[in-house]
Amino acid sequence: MKRYRFLCCVFLLSIFGIGILVSDTLVYAQQAKDSDEGRVVFQWAFGSIKNTGLGPQFEVITRDSTLRSGDQIKFFLKVEKKCFVYLIYQSSQSELSILFPYRFKLLADNYQISGHHYIPEGDQWFELDEVTGTEKFYLLASAERLNDLESFVNAYESADKSKKDGLGEKILSEIRRLRKQYLKFKSYAEKPVTIIGNMRGSEKTKAVGLNDLADYAVEISANNFFSRTFTIDHQ
């Protein structure tokens, strides 16, 4: 009889333990799902072709840089998980323009950005003109569509020249506000993209190859929101 009671207790404890294990597993799985839903994951590369004494040289830009009139630049983007990526340019005269997406209507809820995106498209490159000064590129990625930012950009693009300065400041203020709002999610990871099973080397400069920009992409992942500003000293 005592042995029977002992076995019953063992059985009940086992069931209780399994219940706790299953419960913990379900909670962990739900947390992982919730975490994944807020992830921002995309590939990114920023390249330039510099005119040097040795001829044109391709260089990957990963931080603030110095470029000269006549140098060329290009961007690569590949969204790996549905998120909303924006690239905004500010000229040395504080004029703003949206470089990506090309049209906000492409960001409709039922639209899935896929494939490789080159900015500008195809074999084209942006070329720095003779107007020198500080130029900036604002890269933002969000798990949710940035509707307020889009509204400010739309208003800016359709406004008279006399109103652009004020509307431009609204765009920059919104970028600052978003960064402050998501400050607690500032942590992110950045790693080279694996190609044919091998990790890309750390070589920064090579002979010009117009189809090589995607080969230098890094994968960026973050919780909910990511932003980075590239400042170019245009000489």
Protein backbone atom coordinates (compact mmCIF):
# COMPACT_ATOMS: atom_id res chain seq x y z
CA MET A 1 0.00 0.00 0.00
CA LYS A 2 2.82 2.34 0.93
CA ARG A 3 4.60 1.46 -2.30
CA TYR A 4 1.41 2.25 -4.26
CA ARG A 5 1.12 5.67 -2.59
CA PHE A 6 4.78 6.32 -3.31
CA LEU A 7 4.33 5.51 -6.99
CA CYS A 8 1.26 7.75 -7.18
CA CYS A 9 3.21 10.64 -5.68
CA VAL A 10 6.05 10.09 -8.15
CA PHE A 11 3.55 10.01 -11.01
CA LEU A 12 1.82 13.22 -9.90
CA LEU A 13 5.14 15.02 -9.41
CA SER A 14 6.22 13.91 -12.87
CA ILE A 15 3.02 15.26 -14.41
CA PHE A 16 3.42 18.51 -12.48
CA GLY A 17 7.03 18.81 -13.62
CA ILE A 18 6.12 18.17 -17.24
CA GLY A 19 3.35 20.76 -16.95
CA ILE A 20 5.82 23.36 -15.70
CA LEU A 21 8.30 22.44 -18.46
CA VAL A 22 5.63 22.72 -21.18
CA SER A 23 4.38 25.99 -19.71
CA ASP A 24 7.91 27.44 -19.62
CA THR A 25 8.52 26.26 -23.18
CA LEU A 26 5.31 27.89 -24.42
CA VAL A 27 6.17 31.15 -22.67
CA TYR A 28 9.67 31.11 -24.14
CA ALA A 29 8.29 30.33 -27.61
CA GLN A 30 5.79 33.19 -27.33
CA GLN A 31 8.53 35.57 -26.17
CA ALA A 32 10.72 34.49 -29.08
CA LYS A 33 7.82 35.03 -31.49
CA ASP A 34 7.09 38.47 -30.05
CA SER A 35 10.77 39.36 -30.25
CA ASP A 36 10.99 38.21 -33.88
CA GLU A 37 7.94 40.25 -34.85
CA GLY A 38 9.78 43.42 -33.83
CA ARG A 39 13.03 42.57 -35.59
CA VAL A 40 14.54 44.70 -38.31
CA VAL A 41 16.87 42.73 -40.60
CA PHE A 42 18.38 43.95 -43.86
CA GLN A 43 21.59 43.94 -45.90
CA TRP A 44 23.30 47.23 -46.62
CA ALA A 45 26.31 48.59 -48.48
CA PHE A 46 27.53 52.11 -49.26
CA GLY A 47 30.26 52.34 -51.90
CA SER A 48 32.21 55.05 -53.63
CA ILE A 49 34.44 55.37 -56.67
CA LYS A 50 37.21 57.81 -55.90
CA ASN A 51 39.37 59.48 -58.51
CA THR A 52 42.97 58.94 -57.46
CA GLY A 53 46.39 59.29 -58.99
CA LEU A 54 46.25 55.57 -59.68
CA GLY A 55 42.92 55.86 -61.45
CA PRO A 56 39.37 55.17 -60.21
CA GLN A 57 39.28 53.14 -57.00
CA PHE A 58 36.26 51.49 -55.38
CA GLU A 59 35.94 51.89 -51.61
CA VAL A 60 33.33 50.77 -49.09
CA ILE A 61 32.06 53.55 -46.83
CA THR A 62 31.23 52.42 -43.30
CA ARG A 63 31.53 55.72 -41.41
CA ASP A 64 31.88 59.46 -41.97
CA SER A 65 34.11 60.04 -44.99
CA THR A 66 35.77 62.63 -47.19
CA LEU A 67 34.94 62.72 -50.91
CA ARG A 68 35.75 65.15 -53.70
CA SER A 69 33.82 66.62 -56.60
CA GLY A 70 33.71 64.06 -59.39
CA ASP A 71 33.73 61.08 -57.02
CA GLN A 72 30.77 58.72 -57.37
CA ILE A 73 28.62 56.94 -54.79
CA LYS A 74 26.06 54.14 -54.79
CA PHE A 75 23.99 52.20 -52.24
CA PHE A 76 22.83 48.60 -52.00
CA LEU A 77 19.87 47.35 -49.98
CA LYS A 78 18.22 43.98 -49.50
CA VAL A 79 15.40 43.59 -46.97
CA GLU A 80 15.58 40.13 -45.39
CA LYS A 81 12.61 40.51 -43.07
CA LYS A 82 9.62 42.72 -43.80
CA CYS A 83 10.49 46.13 -42.43
CA PHE A 84 10.44 49.71 -43.67
CA VAL A 85 13.73 51.22 -44.77
CA TYR A 86 14.25 54.89 -45.64
CA LEU A 87 17.28 56.70 -47.06
CA ILE A 88 17.17 60.51 -46.95
CA TYR A 89 19.81 62.82 -48.39
CA GLN A 90 20.67 66.31 -47.11
CA SER A 91 22.78 68.47 -49.40
CA SER A 92 25.36 71.04 -48.30
CA GLN A 93 22.61 73.66 -48.89
CA SER A 94 20.31 71.74 -46.49
CA GLU A 95 18.05 70.58 -49.33
CA LEU A 96 16.45 67.19 -48.65
CA SER A 97 15.46 64.36 -50.97
CA ILE A 98 14.24 60.81 -50.43
CA LEU A 99 16.45 58.24 -52.14
CA PHE A 100 14.60 55.14 -50.95
CA PRO A 101 11.87 54.06 -51.33
CA TYR A 102 11.35 55.62 -54.73
CA ARG A 103 7.62 55.96 -54.02
CA PHE A 104 5.98 55.65 -50.61
CA LYS A 105 2.98 53.85 -52.10
CA LEU A 106 5.27 50.85 -52.58
CA LEU A 107 5.23 50.48 -48.81
CA ALA A 108 1.56 49.50 -48.70
CA ASP A 109 0.77 46.89 -46.07
CA ASN A 110 0.33 44.19 -48.71
CA TYR A 111 3.64 45.00 -50.41
CA GLN A 112 6.70 42.91 -49.67
CA ILE A 113 9.97 44.53 -50.67
CA SER A 114 12.24 41.81 -52.01
CA GLY A 115 15.26 41.38 -54.21
CA HIS A 116 18.33 43.55 -54.59
CA HIS A 117 17.90 47.33 -54.64
CA TYR A 118 20.61 49.56 -56.06
CA ILE A 119 20.40 53.30 -55.42
CA PRO A 120 20.51 54.72 -58.02
CA GLU A 121 19.15 51.86 -60.09
CA GLY A 122 21.05 49.75 -62.60
CA ASP A 123 24.58 50.77 -63.54
CA GLN A 124 24.05 54.42 -62.64
CA TRP A 125 26.03 56.15 -59.88
CA PHE A 126 25.53 59.49 -58.15
CA GLU A 127 28.35 61.91 -58.96
CA LEU A 128 29.36 64.70 -56.59
CA ASP A 129 29.03 68.10 -58.27
CA GLU A 130 31.16 71.22 -57.81
CA VAL A 131 29.17 72.52 -54.82
CA THR A 132 31.22 71.52 -51.78
CA GLY A 133 30.33 71.34 -48.08
CA THR A 134 28.92 68.89 -45.55
CA GLU A 135 26.41 66.39 -46.92
CA LYS A 136 24.49 63.76 -44.94
CA PHE A 137 22.67 60.52 -45.60
CA TYR A 138 20.10 59.39 -43.04
CA LEU A 139 19.44 55.64 -43.02
CA LEU A 140 16.41 54.52 -41.00
CA ALA A 141 14.75 51.13 -40.67
CA SER A 142 11.63 50.38 -38.66
CA ALA A 143 9.45 47.37 -37.93
CA GLU A 144 6.49 49.73 -38.37
CA ARG A 145 5.83 52.17 -41.17
CA LEU A 146 6.93 55.73 -40.31
CA ASN A 147 3.78 57.50 -41.44
CA ASP A 148 4.55 60.88 -39.85
CA LEU A 149 7.96 60.99 -41.50
CA GLU A 150 6.40 60.13 -44.86
CA SER A 151 3.82 62.90 -44.44
CA PHE A 152 6.53 65.47 -43.73
CA VAL A 153 8.53 64.33 -46.77
CA ASN A 154 5.45 64.47 -49.03
CA ALA A 155 4.67 68.00 -47.80
CA TYR A 156 8.28 69.03 -48.37
CA GLU A 157 8.42 67.70 -51.92
CA SER A 158 5.18 69.43 -52.96
CA ALA A 159 5.85 72.76 -51.20
CA ASP A 160 6.95 76.06 -52.69
CA LYS A 161 10.63 76.87 -52.34
CA SER A 162 9.88 79.54 -49.73
CA LYS A 163 8.37 76.92 -47.39
CA LYS A 164 10.93 74.16 -47.81
CA ASP A 165 13.29 75.31 -45.06
CA GLY A 166 10.61 75.04 -42.38
CA LEU A 167 9.31 71.73 -43.67
CA GLY A 168 12.85 70.38 -43.97
CA GLU A 169 13.43 71.14 -40.30
CA LYS A 170 10.28 69.15 -39.48
CA ILE A 171 11.76 66.13 -41.23
CA LEU A 172 15.04 66.42 -39.32
CA SER A 173 13.16 66.97 -36.05
CA GLU A 174 11.10 63.83 -36.71
CA ILE A 175 14.30 61.83 -37.27
CA ARG A 176 15.68 63.11 -33.96
CA ARG A 177 12.38 62.32 -32.24
CA LEU A 178 12.37 58.75 -33.56
CA ARG A 179 15.92 58.20 -32.36
CA LYS A 180 15.00 59.45 -28.91
CA GLN A 181 11.82 57.38 -28.83
CA TYR A 182 13.65 54.16 -29.70
CA LEU A 183 16.76 54.90 -27.65
CA LYS A 184 16.14 51.86 -25.45
CA PHE A 185 16.30 49.66 -28.58
CA LYS A 186 19.62 51.13 -29.67
CA SER A 187 21.43 47.79 -29.51
CA TYR A 188 22.00 46.18 -32.90
CA ALA A 189 24.19 43.60 -34.60
CA GLU A 190 26.17 43.98 -37.78
CA LYS A 191 27.99 41.18 -39.57
CA PRO A 192 29.40 40.42 -43.02
CA VAL A 193 27.17 38.41 -45.33
CA THR A 194 28.26 34.85 -46.01
CA ILE A 195 29.04 34.13 -49.67
CA ILE A 196 29.38 30.53 -50.90
CA GLY A 197 30.20 29.35 -47.40
CA ASN A 198 33.10 31.75 -46.88
CA MET A 199 33.21 34.94 -44.88
CA ARG A 200 34.26 37.96 -46.86
CA GLY A 201 37.67 39.41 -46.11
CA SER A 202 38.34 42.86 -44.64
CA GLU A 203 39.73 44.37 -47.84
CA LYS A 204 38.42 47.92 -48.21
CA THR A 205 39.74 49.08 -51.55
CA LYS A 206 39.98 47.33 -54.92
CA ALA A 207 39.82 48.00 -58.60
CA VAL A 208 36.49 49.31 -59.82
CA GLY A 209 33.84 46.62 -60.30
CA LEU A 210 30.34 47.97 -60.88
CA ASN A 211 28.67 44.71 -59.91
CA ASP A 212 30.62 44.22 -56.70
CA LEU A 213 28.73 46.48 -54.30
CA ALA A 214 26.35 43.75 -53.11
CA ASP A 215 29.38 41.58 -52.36
CA TYR A 216 30.40 44.04 -49.65
CA ALA A 217 27.03 44.20 -47.91
CA VAL A 218 26.73 43.70 -44.17
CA GLU A 219 23.65 42.30 -42.46
CA ILE A 220 22.15 44.67 -39.92
CA SER A 221 19.65 43.42 -37.34
CA ALA A 222 18.00 45.40 -34.57
CA ASN A 223 14.95 45.45 -32.33
CA ASN A 224 12.13 47.63 -33.69
CA PHE A 225 14.25 50.48 -35.06
CA PHE A 226 17.67 51.28 -36.51
CA SER A 227 19.22 54.54 -37.65
CA ARG A 228 22.61 55.74 -38.81
CA THR A 229 23.84 58.99 -40.29
CA PHE A 230 26.69 59.09 -42.79
CA THR A 231 28.35 62.51 -42.96
CA ILE A 232 30.36 63.30 -46.10
CA ASP A 233 32.92 66.07 -46.14
CA HIS A 234 32.55 67.06 -49.79
CA GLN A 235 35.72 68.86 -50.90
